[in-house]
Amino acid sequence: MTLNKINKGQEFKIENIMEKSIREQAIRLGLFEGSIVKCSQKLPCGPIILKTGMQEIAIGRRLAKKIIVSI
């Protein structure tokens, strides 16, 4: 399943980040393959807000389609 299909409140594990350039940027933000993350908000027609540790990160829908996750 891709990140854009996650619902608000769900915890999930990042399995794969498809593009190398996106993977490198995500690692800098604390998102990497194997990390457990929670969806704190999913704005209609807007970004998905992820919570990891004590920080929240907004991910655009187009980018979220390139991140494979499992619940």
N, C-alpha and C. Protein backbone atom coordinates (compact mmCIF):
# COMPACT_ATOMS: atom_id res chain seq x y z
N MET A 1 0.85 -1.16 0.00
CA MET A 1 0.00 0.00 0.00
C MET A 1 0.90 1.23 0.00
N THR A 2 0.44 2.29 -0.61
CA THR A 2 1.22 3.53 -0.62
C THR A 2 0.74 4.48 0.48
N LEU A 3 1.59 5.39 0.86
CA LEU A 3 1.32 6.31 1.96
C LEU A 3 0.06 7.14 1.76
N ASN A 4 -0.27 7.47 0.53
CA ASN A 4 -1.46 8.31 0.29
C ASN A 4 -2.77 7.60 0.65
N LYS A 5 -2.73 6.28 0.89
CA LYS A 5 -3.95 5.53 1.23
C LYS A 5 -4.11 5.31 2.74
N ILE A 6 -3.19 5.80 3.53
CA ILE A 6 -3.26 5.68 4.98
C ILE A 6 -4.34 6.63 5.52
N ASN A 7 -5.00 6.22 6.59
CA ASN A 7 -6.03 7.05 7.23
C ASN A 7 -5.48 7.74 8.47
N LYS A 8 -6.14 8.82 8.84
CA LYS A 8 -5.77 9.57 10.04
C LYS A 8 -5.77 8.64 11.26
N GLY A 9 -4.72 8.74 12.07
CA GLY A 9 -4.62 7.96 13.29
C GLY A 9 -3.92 6.63 13.14
N GLN A 10 -3.69 6.17 11.92
CA GLN A 10 -3.05 4.88 11.71
C GLN A 10 -1.54 4.96 11.90
N GLU A 11 -0.99 3.92 12.52
CA GLU A 11 0.46 3.77 12.60
C GLU A 11 0.87 2.79 11.52
N PHE A 12 2.03 3.03 10.95
CA PHE A 12 2.49 2.19 9.85
C PHE A 12 4.01 2.15 9.82
N LYS A 13 4.52 1.22 9.05
CA LYS A 13 5.96 1.06 8.87
C LYS A 13 6.31 1.42 7.43
N ILE A 14 7.34 2.22 7.25
CA ILE A 14 7.80 2.55 5.91
C ILE A 14 8.59 1.36 5.37
N GLU A 15 8.12 0.80 4.28
CA GLU A 15 8.77 -0.38 3.68
C GLU A 15 9.76 -0.01 2.59
N ASN A 16 9.39 0.96 1.75
CA ASN A 16 10.25 1.30 0.62
C ASN A 16 9.96 2.72 0.17
N ILE A 17 11.00 3.46 -0.13
CA ILE A 17 10.88 4.79 -0.74
C ILE A 17 11.46 4.63 -2.13
N MET A 18 10.60 4.73 -3.14
CA MET A 18 10.95 4.31 -4.49
C MET A 18 12.11 5.06 -5.14
N GLU A 19 12.16 6.36 -5.00
CA GLU A 19 13.18 7.14 -5.70
C GLU A 19 14.33 7.48 -4.77
N LYS A 20 15.54 7.35 -5.28
CA LYS A 20 16.74 7.59 -4.48
C LYS A 20 16.79 9.02 -3.94
N SER A 21 16.46 10.00 -4.76
CA SER A 21 16.53 11.40 -4.32
C SER A 21 15.53 11.67 -3.19
N ILE A 22 14.34 11.07 -3.29
CA ILE A 22 13.33 11.23 -2.24
C ILE A 22 13.80 10.53 -0.97
N ARG A 23 14.38 9.35 -1.12
CA ARG A 23 14.89 8.58 0.03
C ARG A 23 15.93 9.40 0.79
N GLU A 24 16.84 10.04 0.08
CA GLU A 24 17.89 10.84 0.72
C GLU A 24 17.30 12.01 1.50
N GLN A 25 16.30 12.68 0.93
CA GLN A 25 15.67 13.81 1.62
C GLN A 25 14.88 13.33 2.83
N ALA A 26 14.19 12.20 2.70
CA ALA A 26 13.38 11.67 3.79
C ALA A 26 14.25 11.28 4.99
N ILE A 27 15.42 10.71 4.72
CA ILE A 27 16.33 10.33 5.81
C ILE A 27 16.71 11.55 6.64
N ARG A 28 16.92 12.68 6.00
CA ARG A 28 17.26 13.92 6.72
C ARG A 28 16.14 14.36 7.64
N LEU A 29 14.90 13.97 7.32
CA LEU A 29 13.74 14.33 8.13
C LEU A 29 13.37 13.26 9.15
N GLY A 30 14.15 12.18 9.17
CA GLY A 30 13.88 11.11 10.13
C GLY A 30 12.94 10.04 9.61
N LEU A 31 12.65 10.05 8.32
CA LEU A 31 11.81 9.04 7.69
C LEU A 31 12.71 8.12 6.87
N PHE A 32 12.74 6.86 7.24
CA PHE A 32 13.59 5.91 6.52
C PHE A 32 12.91 4.55 6.52
N GLU A 33 13.36 3.69 5.67
CA GLU A 33 12.77 2.35 5.55
C GLU A 33 12.94 1.61 6.87
N GLY A 34 11.82 1.11 7.40
CA GLY A 34 11.82 0.42 8.68
C GLY A 34 11.32 1.27 9.83
N SER A 35 11.18 2.58 9.64
CA SER A 35 10.72 3.42 10.74
C SER A 35 9.19 3.32 10.90
N ILE A 36 8.75 3.44 12.16
CA ILE A 36 7.33 3.41 12.49
C ILE A 36 6.86 4.85 12.63
N VAL A 37 5.79 5.18 11.91
CA VAL A 37 5.29 6.56 11.82
C VAL A 37 3.78 6.54 12.04
N LYS A 38 3.22 7.66 12.48
CA LYS A 38 1.78 7.79 12.67
C LYS A 38 1.26 8.93 11.80
N CYS A 39 0.09 8.72 11.21
CA CYS A 39 -0.57 9.77 10.44
C CYS A 39 -1.40 10.60 11.41
N SER A 40 -0.98 11.83 11.66
CA SER A 40 -1.70 12.66 12.63
C SER A 40 -2.82 13.48 11.98
N GLN A 41 -2.70 13.77 10.70
CA GLN A 41 -3.74 14.51 9.96
C GLN A 41 -3.68 14.11 8.50
N LYS A 42 -4.81 14.17 7.84
CA LYS A 42 -4.88 13.97 6.40
C LYS A 42 -5.84 15.02 5.87
N LEU A 43 -5.28 16.10 5.35
CA LEU A 43 -6.09 17.22 4.91
C LEU A 43 -6.74 16.92 3.56
N PRO A 44 -8.02 17.27 3.39
CA PRO A 44 -8.69 17.02 2.11
C PRO A 44 -7.98 17.76 0.98
N CYS A 45 -7.62 17.04 -0.03
CA CYS A 45 -6.91 17.61 -1.20
C CYS A 45 -5.63 18.33 -0.81
N GLY A 46 -5.04 17.96 0.32
CA GLY A 46 -3.82 18.60 0.78
C GLY A 46 -2.82 17.58 1.26
N PRO A 47 -1.86 18.02 2.04
CA PRO A 47 -0.80 17.11 2.48
C PRO A 47 -1.25 16.14 3.57
N ILE A 48 -0.42 15.15 3.78
CA ILE A 48 -0.59 14.18 4.86
C ILE A 48 0.43 14.56 5.93
N ILE A 49 -0.04 14.73 7.16
CA ILE A 49 0.83 15.13 8.26
C ILE A 49 1.26 13.87 9.02
N LEU A 50 2.56 13.64 9.08
CA LEU A 50 3.11 12.47 9.76
C LEU A 50 3.78 12.88 11.04
N LYS A 51 3.66 12.04 12.05
CA LYS A 51 4.33 12.29 13.32
C LYS A 51 5.35 11.19 13.56
N THR A 52 6.56 11.60 13.76
CA THR A 52 7.64 10.67 14.07
C THR A 52 8.43 11.26 15.23
N GLY A 53 8.45 10.56 16.34
CA GLY A 53 9.09 11.11 17.53
C GLY A 53 8.35 12.34 18.00
N MET A 54 9.07 13.44 18.15
CA MET A 54 8.46 14.69 18.61
C MET A 54 8.24 15.69 17.47
N GLN A 55 8.42 15.25 16.22
CA GLN A 55 8.24 16.19 15.11
C GLN A 55 7.12 15.76 14.18
N GLU A 56 6.53 16.74 13.51
CA GLU A 56 5.51 16.48 12.51
C GLU A 56 6.01 16.96 11.16
N ILE A 57 5.72 16.18 10.13
CA ILE A 57 6.21 16.46 8.79
C ILE A 57 5.03 16.40 7.83
N ALA A 58 4.91 17.39 6.95
CA ALA A 58 3.86 17.39 5.93
C ALA A 58 4.42 16.80 4.64
N ILE A 59 3.71 15.81 4.10
CA ILE A 59 4.12 15.14 2.86
C ILE A 59 3.02 15.37 1.83
N GLY A 60 3.37 15.89 0.67
CA GLY A 60 2.39 16.09 -0.40
C GLY A 60 1.88 14.77 -0.94
N ARG A 61 0.67 14.80 -1.50
CA ARG A 61 0.04 13.57 -2.00
C ARG A 61 0.84 12.93 -3.13
N ARG A 62 1.40 13.72 -4.02
CA ARG A 62 2.17 13.16 -5.14
C ARG A 62 3.39 12.41 -4.63
N LEU A 63 4.05 12.96 -3.63
CA LEU A 63 5.20 12.32 -3.01
C LEU A 63 4.77 11.08 -2.23
N ALA A 64 3.64 11.15 -1.56
CA ALA A 64 3.14 10.03 -0.75
C ALA A 64 2.85 8.80 -1.60
N LYS A 65 2.54 9.00 -2.88
CA LYS A 65 2.29 7.87 -3.78
C LYS A 65 3.55 7.08 -4.09
N LYS A 66 4.71 7.63 -3.75
CA LYS A 66 5.99 6.98 -4.04
C LYS A 66 6.60 6.31 -2.82
N ILE A 67 5.84 6.26 -1.71
CA ILE A 67 6.33 5.65 -0.47
C ILE A 67 5.46 4.45 -0.15
N ILE A 68 6.07 3.27 -0.09
CA ILE A 68 5.36 2.02 0.19
C ILE A 68 5.37 1.80 1.70
N VAL A 69 4.19 1.51 2.27
CA VAL A 69 4.06 1.31 3.72
C VAL A 69 3.28 0.02 4.01
N SER A 70 3.38 -0.45 5.26
CA SER A 70 2.54 -1.56 5.72
C SER A 70 1.99 -1.18 7.09
N ILE A 71 0.78 -1.64 7.36
CA ILE A 71 0.12 -1.31 8.64
C ILE A 71 0.52 -2.33 9.68
